[in-house]
Amino acid sequence: MSSVDHERAGFIGRGWRWLKGSIVKLRDKVVEVARKTKKLGQDDPRRIIHSLKAGLAVSLVSLLYYFKPLYGGFGVSTMYAVLTVVVVFEFSVGATLGRGLNRGLATMLAGALGLGAHYLANLPGRTGQPILLVLFVFLLAAAVSFVRFFPKMKARYDYGLLIFMLTFCLVSITGYQDKEVLDLAHKRLSTILIGSATAVFVSICICPVWAGDDLHKLVSGNVEKLGNFLEGFAGEYFKVPGDGESRDNKTFLQGYRSILTSKNSEDSLTNFARWEPRHGRFRFRHPWKQYQKIGSLTRQCAYHIEALIIYPYPDIEASAEIQRQIQDACTKMSTESGKALKELASAIKSMTKPSSVNTHIVNSKTAAKALKFLLKTSSCEDFVLLEVMPTAMVAAQLEEVITCVEKIAESVHELASLAHFKDAKPEQKPALGQPQQLQQTMQQFSGIEGPHHIITINGSSAVLPEVPIQECGTVVHVTNTDIIKGSKAKTNVREMRQYLSF
């Protein structure tokens, strides 16, 4: 075989390999696109419905072209109806309604001002008309562009301001050459209103997607994610390395991190929800801005959690009793805060007033005070300050979290009042012979097991007389002395009375 034949065979072989590789790449690309398309539809099936609704809306408004009487009445201005549907139709009802109202009102107002500017420009005659028209366009465009910098106008009316400026320029400028400016403005306004009405009708009447529902679910879901994290935090943080799963596996932490980037979604959903009419459980003028406040506090709490997880596990060289008390206090703070957040999330979801949130918050604050006192007492002198520093920092961050939880609870109570949430079902109170909360409190302080406790502090004081406290069968006598009989720890009467005051 000659060298020419060898070169030809090599060229054919390279071409075949390139063609085969291209086919394989194209097949892989098609499979990848199909996989992403399937995942996109599975993540939110409403996207498929929205696409079908958009196609239906455009098809309906395009019928203006096929009916001769309608097309004869509007002429080429019919294209504005189709264009309006394309730019107005959005995923949610609130977004569609907001853009439709913005476009319709801006078109009417700008059209009226454009006709007025055209009339005023005609007064000095043909010579001064273009000068006045240019001056009017300059002043209005400059004024509207400046107004768009206002945050509230930017958030709700930015699209309307753009349409207002565009329509005014088109009407006033085209009126200089077209003498039928009134007829032109009428046709464009009519077709724009037809397109907006079609988009809003399809969006509301066919499988509507309410931005208010999405905002409601987003905020309650974020609060629940924080609660899930706090309920599982103590078990992971105080897990001894080598026992079961490694502490490096923090998959339970991933849930709350989406809260840190949820501001834009909350703001846009709040803006869209304010355009929506009454629907479902949401009344007219529902307090949507209160959801923004709750979302902001939720992100603030998430930032404290982000700072919380950076502290290492404290290797405290102290007695097992001290370690247990520290871990129990941190666990109590975290768990009670998580329970409070989960109840708040449930209250938002069901639109009922939260009932026992305050109890969880008080329990977490009590545990925080107990931990502070424990770290200060003389019983903790058997370990150095550096060893307890990580725990102290964790306790400080948990205390900030408790403060955030308390603020979130206040905001949810305010939302419940403004939105007229239903009252929760009354819980049955325990019988007087079953002292649960105070009995658990006394057991935690004294370390004494049993159904009833009698703690007597002997001593005299001219400042504080003997104060009997009786609740649910448990009797406590407190005087101004530092010794508590039967207790394993030392305390003072001020801390004791403050502890029992809740």
Protein backbone atom coordinates (compact mmCIF):
# COMPACT_ATOMS: atom_id res chain seq x y z
CA MET A 1 0.00 0.00 0.00
CA SER A 2 1.33 3.40 -0.97
CA SER A 3 1.91 6.30 1.39
CA VAL A 4 -1.05 8.12 -0.15
CA ASP A 5 -3.34 5.23 0.72
CA HIS A 6 -1.96 5.21 4.26
CA GLU A 7 -2.66 8.92 4.68
CA ARG A 8 -6.15 8.50 3.25
CA ALA A 9 -6.91 5.59 5.61
CA GLY A 10 -5.59 7.60 8.57
CA PHE A 11 -7.73 10.58 7.61
CA ILE A 12 -10.84 8.40 7.28
CA GLY A 13 -10.08 6.75 10.64
CA ARG A 14 -9.69 10.11 12.40
CA GLY A 15 -12.89 11.38 10.81
CA TRP A 16 -14.80 8.29 11.90
CA ARG A 17 -13.51 8.57 15.49
CA TRP A 18 -14.44 12.26 15.59
CA LEU A 19 -17.93 11.51 14.27
CA LYS A 20 -18.39 8.68 16.75
CA GLY A 21 -17.19 10.85 19.64
CA SER A 22 -19.52 13.67 18.58
CA ILE A 23 -22.48 11.30 18.51
CA VAL A 24 -21.64 10.03 22.00
CA LYS A 25 -21.29 13.61 23.33
CA LEU A 26 -24.58 14.62 21.72
CA ARG A 27 -26.31 11.60 23.24
CA ASP A 28 -24.89 12.38 26.68
CA LYS A 29 -25.96 16.01 26.33
CA VAL A 30 -29.51 15.02 25.40
CA VAL A 31 -29.69 12.61 28.34
CA GLU A 32 -28.40 15.30 30.72
CA VAL A 33 -30.93 17.87 29.47
CA ALA A 34 -33.73 15.31 29.79
CA ARG A 35 -32.62 14.45 33.33
CA LYS A 36 -32.49 18.14 34.35
CA THR A 37 -35.89 18.76 32.76
CA LYS A 38 -37.41 15.85 34.65
CA LYS A 39 -35.88 17.02 37.93
CA LEU A 40 -37.10 20.57 37.34
CA GLY A 41 -40.65 19.34 36.87
CA GLN A 42 -40.49 16.97 39.82
CA ASP A 43 -39.17 19.63 42.19
CA ASP A 44 -42.22 21.79 41.57
CA PRO A 45 -44.95 20.43 39.25
CA ARG A 46 -46.56 23.90 39.24
CA ARG A 47 -43.86 24.98 36.77
CA ILE A 48 -45.33 22.66 34.13
CA ILE A 49 -48.83 24.00 34.80
CA HIS A 50 -47.55 27.58 34.60
CA SER A 51 -45.98 26.92 31.20
CA LEU A 52 -49.27 25.52 29.89
CA LYS A 53 -51.16 28.51 31.30
CA ALA A 54 -48.77 30.95 29.63
CA GLY A 55 -49.27 29.20 26.28
CA LEU A 56 -53.05 29.33 26.74
CA ALA A 57 -53.03 33.06 27.58
CA VAL A 58 -50.95 33.95 24.53
CA SER A 59 -53.16 31.77 22.34
CA LEU A 60 -56.34 33.42 23.60
CA VAL A 61 -55.14 36.96 23.01
CA SER A 62 -53.75 36.09 19.58
CA LEU A 63 -57.31 35.33 18.46
CA LEU A 64 -57.68 39.08 17.95
CA TYR A 65 -55.70 38.63 14.75
CA TYR A 66 -58.07 35.97 13.38
CA PHE A 67 -61.38 37.78 13.89
CA LYS A 68 -61.68 40.37 11.19
CA PRO A 69 -64.02 42.77 13.07
CA LEU A 70 -61.63 42.88 16.03
CA TYR A 71 -58.51 43.26 13.93
CA GLY A 72 -60.21 45.91 11.82
CA GLY A 73 -61.01 47.89 14.96
CA PHE A 74 -57.49 47.75 16.45
CA GLY A 75 -55.27 47.26 13.41
CA VAL A 76 -51.56 46.82 14.05
CA SER A 77 -52.10 47.85 17.68
CA THR A 78 -53.27 44.27 18.25
CA MET A 79 -49.62 43.33 18.70
CA TYR A 80 -49.64 45.26 22.04
CA ALA A 81 -52.15 42.76 23.45
CA VAL A 82 -49.83 39.83 22.71
CA LEU A 83 -46.82 41.77 23.96
CA THR A 84 -48.65 42.62 27.20
CA VAL A 85 -49.46 38.98 27.94
CA VAL A 86 -45.83 37.97 27.35
CA VAL A 87 -44.40 40.58 29.73
CA VAL A 88 -47.20 40.52 32.34
CA PHE A 89 -47.85 36.81 32.86
CA GLU A 90 -45.86 35.63 35.90
CA PHE A 91 -45.65 32.50 38.05
CA SER A 92 -47.87 33.68 40.91
CA VAL A 93 -51.17 35.50 40.95
CA GLY A 94 -49.71 38.39 42.94
CA ALA A 95 -46.86 38.95 40.49
CA THR A 96 -49.21 38.79 37.48
CA LEU A 97 -51.77 41.07 39.10
CA GLY A 98 -49.09 43.55 40.17
CA ARG A 99 -47.52 43.78 36.73
CA GLY A 100 -50.93 43.92 35.05
CA LEU A 101 -52.17 46.76 37.24
CA ASN A 102 -48.86 48.58 36.90
CA ARG A 103 -48.99 48.35 33.13
CA GLY A 104 -52.68 49.28 32.83
CA LEU A 105 -52.60 52.24 35.21
CA ALA A 106 -49.29 53.52 33.88
CA THR A 107 -50.58 53.31 30.31
CA MET A 108 -53.75 55.24 31.10
CA LEU A 109 -51.97 57.95 33.08
CA ALA A 110 -49.11 58.31 30.61
CA GLY A 111 -51.52 58.35 27.67
CA ALA A 112 -53.53 61.16 29.26
CA LEU A 113 -50.37 63.16 30.01
CA GLY A 114 -49.07 62.50 26.50
CA LEU A 115 -52.25 63.90 24.97
CA GLY A 116 -52.02 66.89 27.27
CA ALA A 117 -48.40 67.50 26.30
CA HIS A 118 -49.33 67.19 22.61
CA TYR A 119 -52.13 69.74 23.06
CA LEU A 120 -49.89 72.24 24.89
CA ALA A 121 -47.13 71.87 22.32
CA ASN A 122 -49.57 72.83 19.56
CA LEU A 123 -50.45 76.18 21.17
CA PRO A 124 -47.35 78.17 20.06
CA GLY A 125 -47.59 76.80 16.53
CA ARG A 126 -45.64 74.44 14.34
CA THR A 127 -42.31 76.10 15.04
CA GLY A 128 -42.33 75.79 18.84
CA GLN A 129 -44.03 72.36 18.94
CA PRO A 130 -40.89 70.17 18.70
CA ILE A 131 -39.05 72.31 21.27
CA LEU A 132 -41.83 71.96 23.83
CA LEU A 133 -42.24 68.24 23.15
CA VAL A 134 -38.51 67.64 23.70
CA LEU A 135 -38.66 69.69 26.91
CA PHE A 136 -41.67 67.72 28.22
CA VAL A 137 -40.02 64.38 27.42
CA PHE A 138 -36.79 65.49 29.12
CA LEU A 139 -38.53 66.67 32.31
CA LEU A 140 -40.74 63.62 32.67
CA ALA A 141 -37.99 61.09 31.88
CA ALA A 142 -35.65 62.76 34.39
CA ALA A 143 -38.35 62.92 37.10
CA VAL A 144 -39.43 59.28 36.65
CA SER A 145 -35.83 58.05 36.61
CA PHE A 146 -35.21 59.83 39.92
CA VAL A 147 -38.40 58.49 41.52
CA ARG A 148 -37.26 54.95 40.73
CA PHE A 149 -34.45 55.36 43.28
CA PHE A 150 -36.94 55.46 46.17
CA PRO A 151 -36.88 51.97 47.77
CA LYS A 152 -40.67 51.65 48.14
CA MET A 153 -41.30 52.81 44.59
CA LYS A 154 -38.57 50.51 43.31
CA ALA A 155 -40.05 47.52 45.12
CA ARG A 156 -43.68 47.87 44.05
CA TYR A 157 -43.97 50.24 41.10
CA ASP A 158 -40.71 49.99 39.17
CA TYR A 159 -42.31 48.22 36.21
CA GLY A 160 -45.17 50.72 36.16
CA LEU A 161 -42.75 53.66 36.16
CA LEU A 162 -40.90 52.20 33.18
CA ILE A 163 -44.14 51.70 31.26
CA PHE A 164 -45.29 55.19 32.23
CA MET A 165 -42.12 56.78 30.82
CA LEU A 166 -42.19 54.63 27.67
CA THR A 167 -45.86 55.27 26.92
CA PHE A 168 -45.59 59.02 27.45
CA CYS A 169 -42.66 59.24 25.06
CA LEU A 170 -44.38 57.12 22.40
CA VAL A 171 -47.66 59.04 22.55
CA SER A 172 -46.15 62.51 22.66
CA ILE A 173 -43.44 61.89 20.03
CA THR A 174 -45.51 59.89 17.55
CA GLY A 175 -48.28 62.47 17.83
CA TYR A 176 -45.99 64.99 16.19
CA GLN A 177 -46.21 63.15 12.84
CA ASP A 178 -49.50 61.31 13.31
CA LYS A 179 -52.50 63.64 13.45
CA GLU A 180 -54.79 60.86 14.74
CA VAL A 181 -53.02 60.80 18.10
CA LEU A 182 -56.24 60.34 20.10
CA ASP A 183 -57.27 57.31 18.06
CA LEU A 184 -53.75 55.88 18.38
CA ALA A 185 -53.76 56.26 22.18
CA HIS A 186 -57.22 54.68 22.40
CA LYS A 187 -56.21 51.60 20.40
CA ARG A 188 -53.00 51.01 22.35
CA LEU A 189 -54.72 51.46 25.69
CA SER A 190 -57.53 49.09 24.73
CA THR A 191 -55.22 46.33 23.54
CA ILE A 192 -52.99 46.66 26.61
CA LEU A 193 -56.02 46.38 28.90
CA ILE A 194 -57.24 43.33 26.95
CA GLY A 195 -53.83 41.65 27.30
CA SER A 196 -53.59 42.45 31.03
CA ALA A 197 -57.12 41.21 31.72
CA THR A 198 -56.45 37.96 29.83
CA ALA A 199 -53.26 37.28 31.78
CA VAL A 200 -54.91 37.98 35.14
CA PHE A 201 -57.98 35.89 34.27
CA VAL A 202 -55.94 32.83 33.29
CA SER A 203 -53.64 33.22 36.30
CA ILE A 204 -56.50 33.36 38.82
CA CYS A 205 -59.02 30.96 37.30
CA ILE A 206 -56.76 28.08 36.26
CA CYS A 207 -54.74 26.39 39.03
CA PRO A 208 -53.76 29.65 40.75
CA VAL A 209 -50.40 29.93 42.49
CA TRP A 210 -50.73 32.31 45.43
CA ALA A 211 -47.60 34.12 46.58
CA GLY A 212 -49.18 34.48 50.03
CA ASP A 213 -49.31 30.70 50.45
CA ASP A 214 -45.68 30.37 49.42
CA LEU A 215 -44.62 33.10 51.85
CA HIS A 216 -46.62 31.51 54.66
CA LYS A 217 -45.01 28.12 54.06
CA LEU A 218 -41.52 29.59 53.64
CA VAL A 219 -41.55 31.51 56.94
CA SER A 220 -43.07 28.68 58.97
CA GLY A 221 -40.67 26.19 57.38
CA ASN A 222 -37.66 28.35 58.26
CA VAL A 223 -38.77 28.58 61.90
CA GLU A 224 -39.22 24.80 61.97
CA LYS A 225 -35.73 24.26 60.56
CA LEU A 226 -34.25 26.27 63.42
CA GLY A 227 -36.23 24.21 65.90
CA ASN A 228 -35.01 20.94 64.40
CA PHE A 229 -31.42 22.13 64.59
CA LEU A 230 -31.63 23.24 68.22
CA GLU A 231 -33.29 20.01 69.29
CA GLY A 232 -30.44 17.99 67.79
CA PHE A 233 -27.57 20.35 68.56
CA ALA A 234 -26.83 19.31 72.15
CA GLY A 235 -26.68 15.62 71.32
CA GLU A 236 -24.15 16.28 68.56
CA TYR A 237 -22.09 18.89 70.38
CA PHE A 238 -21.59 16.89 73.57
CA LYS A 239 -21.12 13.58 71.79
CA VAL A 240 -17.86 12.04 72.90
CA PRO A 241 -15.56 11.37 69.89
CA GLY A 242 -15.47 7.65 69.20
CA ASP A 243 -19.01 6.99 70.41
CA GLY A 244 -21.01 6.01 67.36
CA GLU A 245 -21.18 8.53 64.56
CA SER A 246 -18.35 11.05 64.22
CA ARG A 247 -18.96 14.65 65.16
CA ASP A 248 -17.65 15.64 61.74
CA ASN A 249 -20.86 14.34 60.20
CA LYS A 250 -23.08 17.38 60.59
CA THR A 251 -25.78 16.59 58.05
CA PHE A 252 -28.41 17.83 60.51
CA LEU A 253 -26.87 21.30 60.22
CA GLN A 254 -27.61 21.66 56.52
CA GLY A 255 -31.30 22.42 56.97
CA TYR A 256 -30.99 25.82 58.60
CA ARG A 257 -28.38 27.20 56.17
CA SER A 258 -30.98 27.92 53.50
CA ILE A 259 -32.44 30.49 55.91
CA LEU A 260 -29.34 32.67 55.56
CA THR A 261 -30.11 33.29 51.86
CA SER A 262 -33.90 33.54 52.04
CA LYS A 263 -34.20 37.33 52.30
CA ASN A 264 -34.70 37.99 48.58
CA SER A 265 -37.38 35.31 48.32
CA GLU A 266 -39.23 36.65 51.36
CA ASP A 267 -39.10 40.24 50.11
CA SER A 268 -40.36 39.38 46.61
CA LEU A 269 -43.10 37.08 47.92
CA THR A 270 -44.23 39.76 50.38
CA ASN A 271 -44.41 42.31 47.57
CA PHE A 272 -46.42 39.94 45.36
CA ALA A 273 -48.73 38.84 48.19
CA ARG A 274 -49.75 42.43 48.90
CA TRP A 275 -51.30 42.62 45.40
CA GLU A 276 -53.42 39.51 45.85
CA PRO A 277 -57.13 39.56 46.77
CA ARG A 278 -58.62 37.57 49.61
CA HIS A 279 -58.11 33.85 49.13
CA GLY A 280 -58.26 30.73 51.26
CA ARG A 281 -57.38 31.44 54.89
CA PHE A 282 -55.94 34.88 54.12
CA ARG A 283 -58.18 37.88 54.48
CA PHE A 284 -58.09 41.16 52.65
CA ARG A 285 -55.19 43.33 53.88
CA HIS A 286 -53.53 40.38 55.58
CA PRO A 287 -50.44 41.55 57.57
CA TRP A 288 -47.89 40.28 55.06
CA LYS A 289 -45.19 42.65 56.27
CA GLN A 290 -45.23 40.89 59.63
CA TYR A 291 -43.86 37.82 57.85
CA GLN A 292 -40.88 39.91 56.81
CA LYS A 293 -40.27 40.81 60.44
CA ILE A 294 -40.42 37.17 61.50
CA GLY A 295 -38.12 36.21 58.63
CA SER A 296 -35.59 38.85 59.65
CA LEU A 297 -35.54 37.58 63.25
CA THR A 298 -35.25 34.02 61.99
CA ARG A 299 -32.16 34.90 59.95
CA GLN A 300 -30.69 36.69 62.96
CA CYS A 301 -31.15 33.50 64.97
CA ALA A 302 -29.59 31.48 62.15
CA TYR A 303 -26.50 33.72 62.23
CA HIS A 304 -26.10 33.05 65.96
CA ILE A 305 -26.37 29.34 65.21
CA GLU A 306 -23.72 29.71 62.51
CA ALA A 307 -21.42 31.18 65.17
CA LEU A 308 -22.45 28.49 67.65
CA ILE A 309 -21.18 25.50 65.70
CA ILE A 310 -17.60 26.74 65.38
CA TYR A 311 -16.69 26.06 69.01
CA PRO A 312 -14.85 22.79 69.70
CA TYR A 313 -16.01 20.11 72.07
CA PRO A 314 -14.93 21.08 75.62
CA ASP A 315 -12.60 18.49 77.14
CA ILE A 316 -13.22 19.35 80.78
CA GLU A 317 -10.98 17.58 83.30
CA ALA A 318 -13.52 17.71 86.08
CA SER A 319 -15.73 15.30 87.93
CA ALA A 320 -18.37 13.41 86.05
CA GLU A 321 -21.02 15.19 88.11
CA ILE A 322 -19.85 18.63 86.98
CA GLN A 323 -19.67 17.54 83.34
CA ARG A 324 -23.14 16.07 83.57
CA GLN A 325 -24.55 19.27 85.06
CA ILE A 326 -22.96 21.42 82.35
CA GLN A 327 -24.19 19.16 79.58
CA ASP A 328 -27.66 18.94 81.10
CA ALA A 329 -27.93 22.72 81.31
CA CYS A 330 -26.78 23.27 77.69
CA THR A 331 -29.04 20.46 76.51
CA LYS A 332 -31.97 22.02 78.37
CA MET A 333 -31.32 25.44 76.83
CA SER A 334 -31.05 24.05 73.31
CA THR A 335 -33.91 21.56 73.53
CA GLU A 336 -36.40 23.94 75.11
CA SER A 337 -35.58 26.63 72.55
CA GLY A 338 -36.08 24.09 69.76
CA LYS A 339 -39.43 23.02 71.18
CA ALA A 340 -40.54 26.66 71.38
CA LEU A 341 -39.57 27.28 67.74
CA LYS A 342 -41.30 24.13 66.53
CA GLU A 343 -44.48 25.11 68.33
CA LEU A 344 -44.28 28.59 66.79
CA ALA A 345 -43.86 27.03 63.35
CA SER A 346 -46.86 24.78 63.97
CA ALA A 347 -48.90 27.78 65.13
CA ILE A 348 -48.07 29.70 61.95
CA LYS A 349 -48.91 26.72 59.74
CA SER A 350 -52.25 26.03 61.39
CA MET A 351 -52.96 29.76 62.00
CA THR A 352 -53.69 29.17 65.67
CA LYS A 353 -52.38 31.10 68.65
CA PRO A 354 -49.37 29.43 70.31
CA SER A 355 -50.16 28.15 73.79
CA SER A 356 -47.14 26.71 75.64
CA VAL A 357 -44.32 28.64 73.96
CA ASN A 358 -43.74 30.83 76.97
CA THR A 359 -43.23 27.77 79.16
CA HIS A 360 -40.42 26.49 76.93
CA ILE A 361 -38.79 29.91 76.81
CA VAL A 362 -38.93 30.22 80.62
CA ASN A 363 -37.43 26.75 80.98
CA SER A 364 -34.58 27.60 78.63
CA LYS A 365 -33.87 30.89 80.43
CA THR A 366 -33.93 29.08 83.77
CA ALA A 367 -31.40 26.55 82.47
CA ALA A 368 -29.21 29.42 81.27
CA LYS A 369 -29.25 31.01 84.73
CA ALA A 370 -28.51 27.68 86.35
CA LEU A 371 -25.49 27.17 84.05
CA LYS A 372 -24.19 30.65 84.79
CA PHE A 373 -24.47 30.00 88.49
CA LEU A 374 -22.81 26.61 88.14
CA LEU A 375 -19.80 28.10 86.37
CA LYS A 376 -19.40 30.67 89.15
CA THR A 377 -19.80 28.46 92.20
CA SER A 378 -16.98 27.09 94.25
CA SER A 379 -17.96 23.56 93.25
CA CYS A 380 -16.41 24.22 89.84
CA GLU A 381 -12.95 25.14 91.13
CA ASP A 382 -11.49 21.77 90.19
CA PHE A 383 -11.06 22.73 86.52
CA VAL A 384 -9.23 25.69 85.09
CA LEU A 385 -10.80 28.62 83.22
CA LEU A 386 -9.35 27.66 79.83
CA GLU A 387 -11.06 24.29 79.99
CA VAL A 388 -14.49 25.77 80.61
CA MET A 389 -14.07 28.63 78.12
CA PRO A 390 -15.57 26.76 75.09
CA THR A 391 -18.60 25.80 77.17
CA ALA A 392 -18.97 29.36 78.41
CA MET A 393 -18.87 30.65 74.83
CA VAL A 394 -21.44 28.06 73.75
CA ALA A 395 -23.64 29.06 76.68
CA ALA A 396 -23.32 32.74 75.70
CA GLN A 397 -24.34 31.98 72.12
CA LEU A 398 -27.21 29.82 73.32
CA GLU A 399 -28.35 32.72 75.48
CA GLU A 400 -28.36 34.95 72.38
CA VAL A 401 -30.37 32.27 70.59
CA ILE A 402 -32.87 32.25 73.47
CA THR A 403 -33.21 36.03 73.14
CA CYS A 404 -33.89 35.64 69.41
CA VAL A 405 -36.44 32.91 70.11
CA GLU A 406 -38.19 35.23 72.53
CA LYS A 407 -38.34 37.98 69.89
CA ILE A 408 -39.65 35.52 67.30
CA ALA A 409 -42.35 34.46 69.76
CA GLU A 410 -43.38 38.09 70.29
CA SER A 411 -43.58 38.63 66.52
CA VAL A 412 -45.66 35.48 66.04
CA HIS A 413 -48.02 36.59 68.81
CA GLU A 414 -48.32 39.95 67.05
CA LEU A 415 -49.04 38.18 63.76
CA ALA A 416 -51.67 36.05 65.48
CA SER A 417 -53.36 39.19 66.78
CA LEU A 418 -53.24 41.07 63.48
CA ALA A 419 -54.32 38.09 61.36
CA HIS A 420 -56.98 36.95 63.85
CA PHE A 421 -55.58 33.47 64.42
CA LYS A 422 -57.89 30.98 66.08
CA ASP A 423 -57.47 30.10 69.74
CA ALA A 424 -55.66 26.86 70.41
CA LYS A 425 -57.51 24.00 72.06
CA PRO A 426 -57.22 24.35 75.83
CA GLU A 427 -54.83 21.91 77.45
CA GLN A 428 -55.86 19.94 80.51
CA LYS A 429 -54.03 21.15 83.60
CA PRO A 430 -52.45 18.57 85.89
CA ALA A 431 -54.22 17.72 89.11
CA LEU A 432 -53.12 19.36 92.34
CA GLY A 433 -51.77 16.06 93.60
CA GLN A 434 -49.31 15.83 90.66
CA PRO A 435 -46.78 18.66 90.95
CA GLN A 436 -44.89 18.24 87.71
CA GLN A 437 -43.05 21.44 86.84
CA LEU A 438 -42.12 22.51 90.36
CA GLN A 439 -41.29 18.94 91.33
CA GLN A 440 -38.87 18.63 88.39
CA THR A 441 -37.38 22.00 89.31
CA MET A 442 -36.77 20.94 92.89
CA GLN A 443 -35.25 17.65 91.77
CA GLN A 444 -32.90 19.47 89.42
CA PHE A 445 -31.77 21.83 92.20
CA SER A 446 -31.52 19.41 95.07
CA GLY A 447 -30.75 16.12 93.37
CA ILE A 448 -33.33 14.42 95.65
CA GLU A 449 -35.58 11.88 93.96
CA GLY A 450 -39.16 11.50 95.09
CA PRO A 451 -42.68 12.71 94.48
CA HIS A 452 -42.58 15.50 97.12
CA HIS A 453 -39.88 17.75 98.53
CA ILE A 454 -39.72 19.88 101.65
CA ILE A 455 -36.75 22.23 101.66
CA THR A 456 -36.24 24.16 104.85
CA ILE A 457 -33.60 26.86 105.32
CA ASN A 458 -33.00 27.64 108.96
CA GLY A 459 -31.71 30.93 110.15
CA SER A 460 -32.86 34.35 111.09
CA SER A 461 -32.78 37.61 109.21
CA ALA A 462 -34.07 41.07 109.85
CA VAL A 463 -34.26 41.76 106.13
CA LEU A 464 -36.09 38.74 104.75
CA PRO A 465 -38.63 36.98 106.95
CA GLU A 466 -39.57 33.38 106.46
CA VAL A 467 -41.50 33.03 103.22
CA PRO A 468 -43.58 29.88 102.74
CA ILE A 469 -44.17 28.90 99.10
CA GLN A 470 -46.74 26.22 98.49
CA GLU A 471 -47.75 24.88 95.08
CA CYS A 472 -49.17 21.54 94.03
CA GLY A 473 -48.41 19.85 97.33
CA THR A 474 -44.76 20.96 97.53
CA VAL A 475 -43.80 23.17 100.46
CA VAL A 476 -40.67 25.30 100.56
CA HIS A 477 -39.61 27.47 103.52
CA VAL A 478 -37.00 30.07 102.62
CA THR A 479 -35.07 32.37 104.95
CA ASN A 480 -31.93 34.44 104.51
CA THR A 481 -29.39 31.62 104.93
CA ASP A 482 -27.00 29.98 102.49
CA ILE A 483 -27.37 26.33 103.53
CA ILE A 484 -30.06 24.13 101.99
CA LYS A 485 -30.55 20.89 103.86
CA GLY A 486 -30.52 17.86 101.60
CA SER A 487 -29.04 19.76 98.65
CA LYS A 488 -25.82 18.77 96.93
CA ALA A 489 -24.87 22.31 95.89
CA LYS A 490 -24.37 25.62 97.66
CA THR A 491 -26.51 28.59 96.69
CA ASN A 492 -27.89 31.77 98.21
CA VAL A 493 -31.42 32.81 98.96
CA ARG A 494 -31.54 35.47 96.27
CA GLU A 495 -30.75 32.96 93.51
CA MET A 496 -33.16 30.48 95.05
CA ARG A 497 -36.04 32.93 95.22
CA GLN A 498 -35.33 34.15 91.67
CA TYR A 499 -35.21 30.55 90.48
CA LEU A 500 -38.56 29.75 92.08
CA SER A 501 -40.18 33.02 90.97
CA PHE A 502 -41.17 31.72 87.54
